[in-house]
């Protein structure tokens, strides 16, 4: 069975709201924009899936993230989303952050290894100031947040009372950035 046929089968199951499907792992495939659009349409109507892993070189980029973000604005059951090891960049995070401002169910988001940079950190921080459901955010490893990104996140941490776990390891955060973050939680 090829990837297109497998994805069609998965989409059919998601749209049927099969109660047995609560966790879906689609890592290490190719979820190009057209396929992400189809998956996002299924997520908009699905009421059973609570965990979705799209990590591991899935080919998710800023363009395809727009479709996923539209689904996250409507989906009311997804609790855990893994997008690690993709190519979201700051523009993908911009779309995702818009969804996080509206989504009221997502509690865990994994974004490690996406190269979001300080600009992406700024978008994410804006969302975190209003999001009241996200508890666990994983931004570790090669997101290149640096001091500027740390400053943005520290501003969000001052306003956000829900986020209890934030992983920022291996992001070129220097002493000044660490200072911003430690002051935010005092």
N, C-alpha and C. Protein backbone atom coordinates (compact mmCIF):
# COMPACT_ATOMS: atom_id res chain seq x y z
N UNK A 1 0.86 -1.18 0.00
CA UNK A 1 0.00 0.00 0.00
C UNK A 1 0.90 1.24 0.00
N UNK A 2 0.62 2.21 -0.84
CA UNK A 2 1.45 3.40 -0.88
C UNK A 2 0.96 4.43 0.13
N UNK A 3 1.79 5.47 0.31
CA UNK A 3 1.48 6.49 1.32
C UNK A 3 0.15 7.19 1.04
N UNK A 4 -0.13 7.48 -0.21
CA UNK A 4 -1.40 8.14 -0.54
C UNK A 4 -2.60 7.30 -0.11
N UNK A 5 -2.56 6.00 -0.39
CA UNK A 5 -3.66 5.12 -0.01
C UNK A 5 -3.77 4.99 1.51
N UNK A 6 -2.61 4.88 2.17
CA UNK A 6 -2.61 4.80 3.64
C UNK A 6 -3.22 6.06 4.24
N UNK A 7 -2.83 7.21 3.72
CA UNK A 7 -3.37 8.46 4.24
C UNK A 7 -4.87 8.56 3.99
N UNK A 8 -5.31 8.15 2.84
CA UNK A 8 -6.75 8.15 2.56
C UNK A 8 -7.51 7.28 3.55
N UNK A 9 -6.96 6.14 3.89
CA UNK A 9 -7.58 5.25 4.88
C UNK A 9 -7.62 5.92 6.26
N UNK A 10 -6.53 6.55 6.63
CA UNK A 10 -6.47 7.24 7.92
C UNK A 10 -7.49 8.38 7.97
N UNK A 11 -7.57 9.15 6.91
CA UNK A 11 -8.53 10.27 6.86
C UNK A 11 -9.96 9.78 6.97
N UNK A 12 -10.25 8.68 6.32
CA UNK A 12 -11.59 8.10 6.39
C UNK A 12 -11.93 7.71 7.83
N UNK A 13 -10.97 7.10 8.51
CA UNK A 13 -11.18 6.70 9.91
C UNK A 13 -11.37 7.94 10.79
N UNK A 14 -10.54 8.96 10.60
CA UNK A 14 -10.66 10.17 11.41
C UNK A 14 -12.01 10.85 11.21
N UNK A 15 -12.46 10.91 9.98
CA UNK A 15 -13.75 11.55 9.70
C UNK A 15 -14.92 10.75 10.26
N UNK A 16 -14.73 9.44 10.42
CA UNK A 16 -15.81 8.61 10.96
C UNK A 16 -15.93 8.73 12.47
N UNK A 17 -14.94 9.36 13.11
CA UNK A 17 -14.90 9.51 14.56
C UNK A 17 -14.93 8.16 15.28
N UNK A 18 -14.21 7.21 14.74
CA UNK A 18 -14.09 5.88 15.34
C UNK A 18 -13.54 6.04 16.77
N UNK A 19 -14.29 5.58 17.75
CA UNK A 19 -13.93 5.74 19.15
C UNK A 19 -12.64 5.02 19.53
N UNK A 20 -12.20 4.08 18.71
CA UNK A 20 -10.98 3.34 19.02
C UNK A 20 -9.72 4.13 18.69
N UNK A 21 -9.84 5.12 17.85
CA UNK A 21 -8.67 5.89 17.43
C UNK A 21 -8.57 7.15 18.29
N UNK A 22 -7.68 7.10 19.28
CA UNK A 22 -7.47 8.27 20.13
C UNK A 22 -6.04 8.80 20.00
N UNK A 23 -5.14 7.99 19.45
CA UNK A 23 -3.74 8.37 19.30
C UNK A 23 -3.28 7.99 17.90
N UNK A 24 -2.63 8.94 17.21
CA UNK A 24 -2.18 8.69 15.85
C UNK A 24 -0.75 9.18 15.69
N UNK A 25 0.12 8.30 15.21
CA UNK A 25 1.52 8.62 15.00
C UNK A 25 1.82 8.51 13.50
N UNK A 26 2.07 9.64 12.86
CA UNK A 26 2.36 9.66 11.43
C UNK A 26 3.79 10.11 11.16
N UNK A 27 4.70 9.86 12.07
CA UNK A 27 6.05 10.37 11.89
C UNK A 27 6.79 9.69 10.74
N UNK A 28 7.75 10.41 10.22
CA UNK A 28 8.65 9.96 9.16
C UNK A 28 7.96 9.62 7.85
N UNK A 29 7.07 10.45 7.45
CA UNK A 29 6.43 10.31 6.15
C UNK A 29 6.63 11.60 5.38
N UNK A 30 5.78 11.87 4.47
CA UNK A 30 5.84 13.12 3.73
C UNK A 30 4.45 13.72 3.70
N UNK A 31 4.25 14.70 4.54
CA UNK A 31 2.95 15.34 4.64
C UNK A 31 3.02 16.69 3.94
N UNK A 32 3.19 16.64 2.64
CA UNK A 32 3.27 17.86 1.84
C UNK A 32 1.98 18.67 2.02
N UNK A 33 1.96 19.87 1.50
CA UNK A 33 0.85 20.80 1.71
C UNK A 33 -0.50 20.20 1.34
N UNK A 34 -0.59 19.53 0.21
CA UNK A 34 -1.86 18.95 -0.23
C UNK A 34 -2.35 17.90 0.77
N UNK A 35 -1.45 17.07 1.26
CA UNK A 35 -1.84 16.04 2.23
C UNK A 35 -2.20 16.66 3.57
N UNK A 36 -1.48 17.71 3.96
CA UNK A 36 -1.80 18.39 5.22
C UNK A 36 -3.18 19.03 5.13
N UNK A 37 -3.52 19.55 3.99
CA UNK A 37 -4.85 20.15 3.81
C UNK A 37 -5.93 19.09 4.04
N UNK A 38 -5.73 17.91 3.50
CA UNK A 38 -6.70 16.82 3.69
C UNK A 38 -6.76 16.37 5.15
N UNK A 39 -5.60 16.24 5.78
CA UNK A 39 -5.56 15.85 7.19
C UNK A 39 -6.26 16.90 8.05
N UNK A 40 -6.01 18.15 7.76
CA UNK A 40 -6.62 19.23 8.54
C UNK A 40 -8.13 19.25 8.42
N UNK A 41 -8.64 18.95 7.24
CA UNK A 41 -10.09 18.87 7.06
C UNK A 41 -10.68 17.76 7.94
N UNK A 42 -9.96 16.65 8.03
CA UNK A 42 -10.42 15.55 8.88
C UNK A 42 -10.37 15.94 10.35
N UNK A 43 -9.32 16.65 10.76
CA UNK A 43 -9.19 17.07 12.16
C UNK A 43 -10.29 18.04 12.57
N UNK A 44 -10.78 18.81 11.64
CA UNK A 44 -11.85 19.77 11.95
C UNK A 44 -13.14 19.08 12.39
N UNK A 45 -13.38 17.88 11.89
CA UNK A 45 -14.62 17.17 12.22
C UNK A 45 -14.41 16.01 13.20
N UNK A 46 -13.16 15.68 13.50
CA UNK A 46 -12.89 14.56 14.39
C UNK A 46 -13.14 14.96 15.84
N UNK A 47 -13.77 14.04 16.61
CA UNK A 47 -14.08 14.31 18.01
C UNK A 47 -13.52 13.23 18.93
N UNK A 48 -12.58 12.44 18.45
CA UNK A 48 -12.06 11.34 19.26
C UNK A 48 -10.55 11.39 19.46
N UNK A 49 -9.81 11.94 18.52
CA UNK A 49 -8.35 11.93 18.58
C UNK A 49 -7.87 12.88 19.66
N UNK A 50 -7.04 12.38 20.58
CA UNK A 50 -6.50 13.23 21.64
C UNK A 50 -5.00 13.46 21.50
N UNK A 51 -4.33 12.60 20.75
CA UNK A 51 -2.88 12.75 20.58
C UNK A 51 -2.50 12.53 19.11
N UNK A 52 -1.73 13.48 18.57
CA UNK A 52 -1.29 13.40 17.17
C UNK A 52 0.19 13.73 17.09
N UNK A 53 0.96 12.80 16.54
CA UNK A 53 2.39 13.02 16.35
C UNK A 53 2.68 13.14 14.86
N UNK A 54 3.10 14.32 14.46
CA UNK A 54 3.49 14.58 13.07
C UNK A 54 4.97 14.94 13.00
N UNK A 55 5.73 14.43 13.95
CA UNK A 55 7.15 14.74 14.02
C UNK A 55 8.00 13.77 13.23
N UNK A 56 9.20 14.20 12.94
CA UNK A 56 10.16 13.31 12.30
C UNK A 56 10.25 13.47 10.81
N UNK A 57 10.64 14.62 10.37
CA UNK A 57 10.86 14.87 8.95
C UNK A 57 9.62 14.58 8.11
N UNK A 58 8.53 15.18 8.50
CA UNK A 58 7.26 14.98 7.79
C UNK A 58 7.10 15.95 6.61
N UNK A 59 8.02 16.88 6.46
CA UNK A 59 7.91 17.85 5.38
C UNK A 59 6.92 18.96 5.68
N UNK A 60 6.57 19.12 6.95
CA UNK A 60 5.65 20.19 7.32
C UNK A 60 6.41 21.51 7.28
N UNK A 61 5.88 22.45 6.53
CA UNK A 61 6.54 23.73 6.32
C UNK A 61 5.57 24.87 6.65
N UNK A 62 5.99 26.11 6.52
CA UNK A 62 5.09 27.21 6.85
C UNK A 62 3.76 27.18 6.09
N UNK A 63 3.78 26.78 4.83
CA UNK A 63 2.55 26.73 4.04
C UNK A 63 1.59 25.68 4.58
N UNK A 64 2.08 24.48 4.84
CA UNK A 64 1.20 23.41 5.33
C UNK A 64 0.75 23.68 6.76
N UNK A 65 1.55 24.43 7.51
CA UNK A 65 1.18 24.77 8.89
C UNK A 65 -0.08 25.64 8.92
N UNK A 66 -0.32 26.41 7.89
CA UNK A 66 -1.54 27.22 7.83
C UNK A 66 -2.78 26.34 7.90
N UNK A 67 -2.76 25.22 7.20
CA UNK A 67 -3.91 24.31 7.21
C UNK A 67 -4.08 23.64 8.57
N UNK A 68 -2.97 23.21 9.14
CA UNK A 68 -3.03 22.59 10.47
C UNK A 68 -3.58 23.59 11.49
N UNK A 69 -3.15 24.83 11.39
CA UNK A 69 -3.61 25.86 12.32
C UNK A 69 -5.11 26.10 12.22
N UNK A 70 -5.64 26.06 11.01
CA UNK A 70 -7.09 26.19 10.83
C UNK A 70 -7.83 25.06 11.55
N UNK A 71 -7.28 23.87 11.46
CA UNK A 71 -7.90 22.72 12.14
C UNK A 71 -7.84 22.88 13.65
N UNK A 72 -6.71 23.37 14.16
CA UNK A 72 -6.56 23.54 15.61
C UNK A 72 -7.52 24.58 16.17
N UNK A 73 -7.92 25.52 15.37
CA UNK A 73 -8.89 26.52 15.81
C UNK A 73 -10.27 25.90 16.02
N UNK A 74 -10.57 24.83 15.31
CA UNK A 74 -11.88 24.19 15.39
C UNK A 74 -11.90 22.92 16.24
N UNK A 75 -10.80 22.18 16.24
CA UNK A 75 -10.77 20.90 16.95
C UNK A 75 -10.85 21.12 18.46
N UNK A 76 -11.72 20.37 19.13
CA UNK A 76 -11.94 20.53 20.56
C UNK A 76 -11.54 19.31 21.38
N UNK A 77 -10.81 18.37 20.79
CA UNK A 77 -10.44 17.17 21.54
C UNK A 77 -8.95 16.91 21.60
N UNK A 78 -8.18 17.44 20.68
CA UNK A 78 -6.75 17.17 20.63
C UNK A 78 -6.05 17.79 21.83
N UNK A 79 -5.35 16.96 22.60
CA UNK A 79 -4.64 17.41 23.79
C UNK A 79 -3.14 17.51 23.57
N UNK A 80 -2.58 16.61 22.75
CA UNK A 80 -1.14 16.51 22.56
C UNK A 80 -0.83 16.58 21.07
N UNK A 81 0.12 17.47 20.72
CA UNK A 81 0.53 17.60 19.32
C UNK A 81 2.04 17.62 19.24
N UNK A 82 2.60 16.72 18.45
CA UNK A 82 4.04 16.66 18.22
C UNK A 82 4.37 17.10 16.81
N UNK A 83 5.16 18.16 16.71
CA UNK A 83 5.60 18.67 15.41
C UNK A 83 7.12 18.74 15.33
N UNK A 84 7.81 17.98 16.15
CA UNK A 84 9.26 18.01 16.19
C UNK A 84 9.87 17.57 14.87
N UNK A 85 11.08 18.08 14.62
CA UNK A 85 11.85 17.69 13.43
C UNK A 85 11.14 18.00 12.12
N UNK A 86 10.61 19.19 12.01
CA UNK A 86 10.01 19.65 10.77
C UNK A 86 10.69 20.95 10.36
N UNK A 87 10.09 21.70 9.52
CA UNK A 87 10.68 22.93 9.01
C UNK A 87 9.68 24.08 9.13
N UNK A 88 9.17 24.27 10.35
CA UNK A 88 8.14 25.31 10.54
C UNK A 88 8.71 26.71 10.37
N UNK A 89 9.89 26.96 10.93
CA UNK A 89 10.46 28.29 10.88
C UNK A 89 9.56 29.31 11.56
N UNK A 90 9.93 30.56 11.49
CA UNK A 90 9.15 31.60 12.18
C UNK A 90 7.77 31.79 11.56
N UNK A 91 7.65 31.63 10.25
CA UNK A 91 6.34 31.82 9.61
C UNK A 91 5.36 30.70 9.94
N UNK A 92 5.85 29.48 10.06
CA UNK A 92 4.99 28.38 10.49
C UNK A 92 4.52 28.59 11.91
N UNK A 93 5.42 29.07 12.76
CA UNK A 93 5.06 29.35 14.16
C UNK A 93 4.06 30.50 14.22
N UNK A 94 4.16 31.44 13.31
CA UNK A 94 3.20 32.55 13.28
C UNK A 94 1.78 32.00 13.08
N UNK A 95 1.61 31.10 12.13
CA UNK A 95 0.29 30.48 11.89
C UNK A 95 -0.16 29.67 13.09
N UNK A 96 0.74 28.87 13.63
CA UNK A 96 0.42 28.02 14.77
C UNK A 96 0.04 28.87 15.99
N UNK A 97 0.72 29.98 16.17
CA UNK A 97 0.44 30.86 17.30
C UNK A 97 -0.96 31.46 17.22
N UNK A 98 -1.41 31.77 16.02
CA UNK A 98 -2.78 32.27 15.86
C UNK A 98 -3.78 31.23 16.34
N UNK A 99 -3.51 29.97 16.03
CA UNK A 99 -4.39 28.89 16.48
C UNK A 99 -4.35 28.74 17.99
N UNK A 100 -3.17 28.87 18.58
CA UNK A 100 -3.04 28.72 20.04
C UNK A 100 -3.81 29.79 20.80
N UNK A 101 -4.02 30.92 20.18
CA UNK A 101 -4.80 31.98 20.82
C UNK A 101 -6.26 31.58 20.96
N UNK A 102 -6.73 30.69 20.09
CA UNK A 102 -8.14 30.27 20.10
C UNK A 102 -8.36 28.87 20.65
N UNK A 103 -7.39 28.00 20.49
CA UNK A 103 -7.55 26.61 20.91
C UNK A 103 -7.67 26.53 22.42
N UNK A 104 -8.67 25.77 22.90
CA UNK A 104 -8.92 25.65 24.33
C UNK A 104 -8.70 24.24 24.86
N UNK A 105 -8.02 23.39 24.11
CA UNK A 105 -7.84 22.01 24.57
C UNK A 105 -6.40 21.53 24.60
N UNK A 106 -5.54 22.03 23.73
CA UNK A 106 -4.17 21.54 23.63
C UNK A 106 -3.41 21.79 24.92
N UNK A 107 -2.85 20.73 25.51
CA UNK A 107 -2.09 20.86 26.75
C UNK A 107 -0.60 20.63 26.57
N UNK A 108 -0.21 19.90 25.53
CA UNK A 108 1.21 19.62 25.29
C UNK A 108 1.54 19.84 23.82
N UNK A 109 2.60 20.61 23.58
CA UNK A 109 3.04 20.92 22.22
C UNK A 109 4.55 20.73 22.13
N UNK A 110 4.98 19.90 21.19
CA UNK A 110 6.40 19.64 20.99
C UNK A 110 6.83 20.27 19.67
N UNK A 111 7.77 21.22 19.77
CA UNK A 111 8.25 21.96 18.60
C UNK A 111 9.77 21.90 18.45
N UNK A 112 10.41 20.97 19.10
CA UNK A 112 11.88 20.94 19.03
C UNK A 112 12.36 20.73 17.59
N UNK A 113 13.54 21.29 17.33
CA UNK A 113 14.19 21.15 16.02
C UNK A 113 13.33 21.68 14.87
N UNK A 114 12.89 22.93 14.99
CA UNK A 114 12.10 23.56 13.93
C UNK A 114 12.67 24.89 13.47
N UNK A 115 13.78 25.33 14.03
CA UNK A 115 14.42 26.56 13.58
C UNK A 115 13.52 27.78 13.61
N UNK A 116 12.80 27.97 14.72
CA UNK A 116 11.83 29.07 14.77
C UNK A 116 12.47 30.43 14.98
N UNK A 117 13.65 30.47 15.60
CA UNK A 117 14.37 31.72 15.78
C UNK A 117 13.69 32.69 16.72
N UNK A 118 14.35 33.84 16.97
CA UNK A 118 13.77 34.86 17.85
C UNK A 118 12.41 35.38 17.36
N UNK A 119 12.25 35.52 16.04
CA UNK A 119 10.98 36.02 15.51
C UNK A 119 9.85 35.04 15.80
N UNK A 120 10.10 33.76 15.63
CA UNK A 120 9.10 32.75 15.96
C UNK A 120 8.78 32.75 17.44
N UNK A 121 9.80 32.99 18.24
CA UNK A 121 9.61 33.08 19.69
C UNK A 121 8.68 34.25 20.04
N UNK A 122 8.81 35.33 19.30
CA UNK A 122 7.94 36.50 19.53
C UNK A 122 6.47 36.13 19.25
N UNK A 123 6.22 35.45 18.13
CA UNK A 123 4.85 35.04 17.80
C UNK A 123 4.30 34.09 18.86
N UNK A 124 5.11 33.14 19.24
CA UNK A 124 4.68 32.15 20.24
C UNK A 124 4.39 32.82 21.58
N UNK A 125 5.21 33.78 21.93
CA UNK A 125 5.01 34.50 23.19
C UNK A 125 3.70 35.27 23.21
N UNK A 126 3.33 35.85 22.09
CA UNK A 126 2.04 36.55 22.01
C UNK A 126 0.89 35.58 22.27
N UNK A 127 1.00 34.39 21.74
CA UNK A 127 -0.05 33.38 21.96
C UNK A 127 -0.08 32.92 23.41
N UNK A 128 1.09 32.74 24.00
CA UNK A 128 1.16 32.25 25.38
C UNK A 128 0.58 33.25 26.38
N UNK A 129 0.56 34.50 26.02
CA UNK A 129 -0.01 35.51 26.92
C UNK A 129 -1.51 35.33 27.10
N UNK A 130 -2.17 34.72 26.12
CA UNK A 130 -3.62 34.53 26.22
C UNK A 130 -4.04 33.07 26.35
N UNK A 131 -3.22 32.14 25.90
CA UNK A 131 -3.57 30.72 25.98
C UNK A 131 -3.58 30.27 27.43
N UNK A 132 -4.65 29.61 27.84
CA UNK A 132 -4.78 29.17 29.23
C UNK A 132 -4.91 27.65 29.37
N UNK A 133 -4.51 26.91 28.35
CA UNK A 133 -4.60 25.45 28.44
C UNK A 133 -3.26 24.74 28.28
N UNK A 134 -2.32 25.35 27.57
CA UNK A 134 -1.03 24.70 27.33
C UNK A 134 -0.24 24.60 28.63
N UNK A 135 0.13 23.38 28.98
CA UNK A 135 0.85 23.11 30.22
C UNK A 135 2.31 22.77 29.95
N UNK A 136 2.58 22.12 28.82
CA UNK A 136 3.91 21.61 28.51
C UNK A 136 4.30 22.05 27.10
N UNK A 137 5.40 22.80 27.00
CA UNK A 137 5.89 23.29 25.72
C UNK A 137 7.36 22.91 25.57
N UNK A 138 7.66 22.15 24.53
CA UNK A 138 9.02 21.67 24.28
C UNK A 138 9.60 22.40 23.07
N UNK A 139 10.53 23.31 23.33
CA UNK A 139 11.19 24.08 22.28
C UNK A 139 12.68 23.74 22.18
N UNK A 140 13.09 22.66 22.77
CA UNK A 140 14.53 22.39 22.84
C UNK A 140 15.14 22.08 21.48
N UNK A 141 16.41 22.33 21.42
CA UNK A 141 17.30 21.88 20.36
C UNK A 141 17.10 22.56 19.01
N UNK A 142 18.02 23.42 18.70
CA UNK A 142 18.14 24.05 17.38
C UNK A 142 16.90 24.83 16.93
N UNK A 143 16.29 25.53 17.87
CA UNK A 143 15.28 26.50 17.50
C UNK A 143 15.89 27.90 17.48
N UNK A 144 17.14 28.00 17.91
CA UNK A 144 17.92 29.24 17.81
C UNK A 144 17.20 30.44 18.42
N UNK A 145 16.71 30.25 19.64
CA UNK A 145 15.95 31.31 20.31
C UNK A 145 16.84 32.47 20.73
N UNK A 146 18.02 32.15 21.21
CA UNK A 146 19.01 33.13 21.63
C UNK A 146 18.45 34.07 22.71
N UNK A 147 19.18 35.13 23.01
CA UNK A 147 18.78 36.06 24.06
C UNK A 147 17.48 36.78 23.71
N UNK A 148 17.35 37.21 22.48
CA UNK A 148 16.14 37.93 22.06
C UNK A 148 14.88 37.07 22.23
N UNK A 149 14.96 35.83 21.81
CA UNK A 149 13.82 34.92 21.96
C UNK A 149 13.50 34.66 23.42
N UNK A 150 14.53 34.58 24.25
CA UNK A 150 14.34 34.39 25.69
C UNK A 150 13.60 35.56 26.31
N UNK A 151 13.93 36.75 25.84
CA UNK A 151 13.26 37.95 26.35
C UNK A 151 11.77 37.90 26.02
N UNK A 152 11.43 37.53 24.79
CA UNK A 152 10.02 37.42 24.41
C UNK A 152 9.30 36.38 25.27
N UNK A 153 9.92 35.23 25.43
CA UNK A 153 9.30 34.17 26.22
C UNK A 153 9.14 34.58 27.68
N UNK A 154 10.10 35.31 28.20
CA UNK A 154 9.99 35.74 29.60
C UNK A 154 8.79 36.66 29.80
N UNK A 155 8.51 37.51 28.81
CA UNK A 155 7.34 38.38 28.89
C UNK A 155 6.06 37.55 28.93
N UNK A 156 6.02 36.50 28.14
CA UNK A 156 4.84 35.62 28.12
C UNK A 156 4.69 34.89 29.44
N UNK A 157 5.80 34.44 30.00
CA UNK A 157 5.75 33.69 31.26
C UNK A 157 5.20 34.53 32.40
N UNK A 158 5.43 35.82 32.34
CA UNK A 158 4.89 36.71 33.38
C UNK A 158 3.36 36.75 33.34
N UNK A 159 2.80 36.63 32.15
CA UNK A 159 1.35 36.70 31.98
C UNK A 159 0.66 35.34 32.05
N UNK A 160 1.36 34.29 31.67
CA UNK A 160 0.76 32.96 31.58
C UNK A 160 0.85 32.24 32.91
N UNK A 161 -0.28 31.79 33.43
CA UNK A 161 -0.33 31.10 34.71
C UNK A 161 -0.49 29.59 34.54
N UNK A 162 -0.59 29.11 33.31
CA UNK A 162 -0.90 27.71 33.05
C UNK A 162 0.33 26.87 32.72
N UNK A 163 1.24 27.43 31.94
CA UNK A 163 2.41 26.69 31.49
C UNK A 163 3.31 26.34 32.67
N UNK A 164 3.50 25.04 32.90
CA UNK A 164 4.33 24.61 34.03
C UNK A 164 5.62 23.93 33.59
N UNK A 165 5.71 23.52 32.34
CA UNK A 165 6.93 22.87 31.85
C UNK A 165 7.33 23.49 30.52
N UNK A 166 8.51 24.08 30.49
CA UNK A 166 9.04 24.72 29.30
C UNK A 166 10.47 24.24 29.10
N UNK A 167 10.74 23.52 28.03
CA UNK A 167 12.07 22.98 27.76
C UNK A 167 12.72 23.83 26.68
N UNK A 168 13.82 24.49 27.04
CA UNK A 168 14.52 25.40 26.13
C UNK A 168 15.97 24.98 25.87
N UNK A 169 16.35 23.78 26.24
CA UNK A 169 17.74 23.34 26.10
C UNK A 169 18.26 23.43 24.68
N UNK A 170 19.54 23.68 24.55
CA UNK A 170 20.27 23.71 23.27
C UNK A 170 19.70 24.72 22.28
N UNK A 171 19.51 25.95 22.76
CA UNK A 171 18.96 27.00 21.91
C UNK A 171 19.80 28.27 21.88
N UNK A 172 21.07 28.13 22.21
CA UNK A 172 21.99 29.27 22.17
C UNK A 172 21.51 30.43 23.05
N UNK A 173 20.98 30.08 24.21
CA UNK A 173 20.54 31.09 25.16
C UNK A 173 21.72 31.39 26.08
N UNK A 174 22.17 32.62 26.05
CA UNK A 174 23.32 33.02 26.85
C UNK A 174 22.86 33.53 28.22
N UNK A 175 23.80 34.01 29.00
CA UNK A 175 23.53 34.43 30.38
C UNK A 175 22.42 35.47 30.47
N UNK A 176 22.45 36.45 29.58
CA UNK A 176 21.43 37.49 29.62
C UNK A 176 20.03 36.91 29.38
N UNK A 177 19.93 35.98 28.44
CA UNK A 177 18.65 35.33 28.17
C UNK A 177 18.17 34.51 29.35
N UNK A 178 19.10 33.83 30.00
CA UNK A 178 18.76 33.04 31.19
C UNK A 178 18.26 33.95 32.30
N UNK A 179 18.86 35.12 32.40
CA UNK A 179 18.44 36.08 33.42
C UNK A 179 16.99 36.52 33.18
N UNK A 180 16.65 36.82 31.94
CA UNK A 180 15.27 37.20 31.61
C UNK A 180 14.29 36.11 32.06
N UNK A 181 14.64 34.88 31.74
CA UNK A 181 13.75 33.76 32.05
C UNK A 181 13.61 33.54 33.55
N UNK A 182 14.71 33.64 34.28
CA UNK A 182 14.63 33.42 35.73
C UNK A 182 13.84 34.53 36.42
N UNK A 183 13.97 35.75 35.93
CA UNK A 183 13.22 36.87 36.50
C UNK A 183 11.72 36.75 36.23
N UNK A 184 11.37 36.11 35.13
CA UNK A 184 9.96 35.97 34.77
C UNK A 184 9.19 35.11 35.75
N UNK A 185 9.84 34.16 36.36
CA UNK A 185 9.15 33.23 37.26
C UNK A 185 9.32 33.59 38.73
N UNK A 186 9.79 34.78 39.01
CA UNK A 186 9.93 35.19 40.41
C UNK A 186 8.66 35.84 40.91
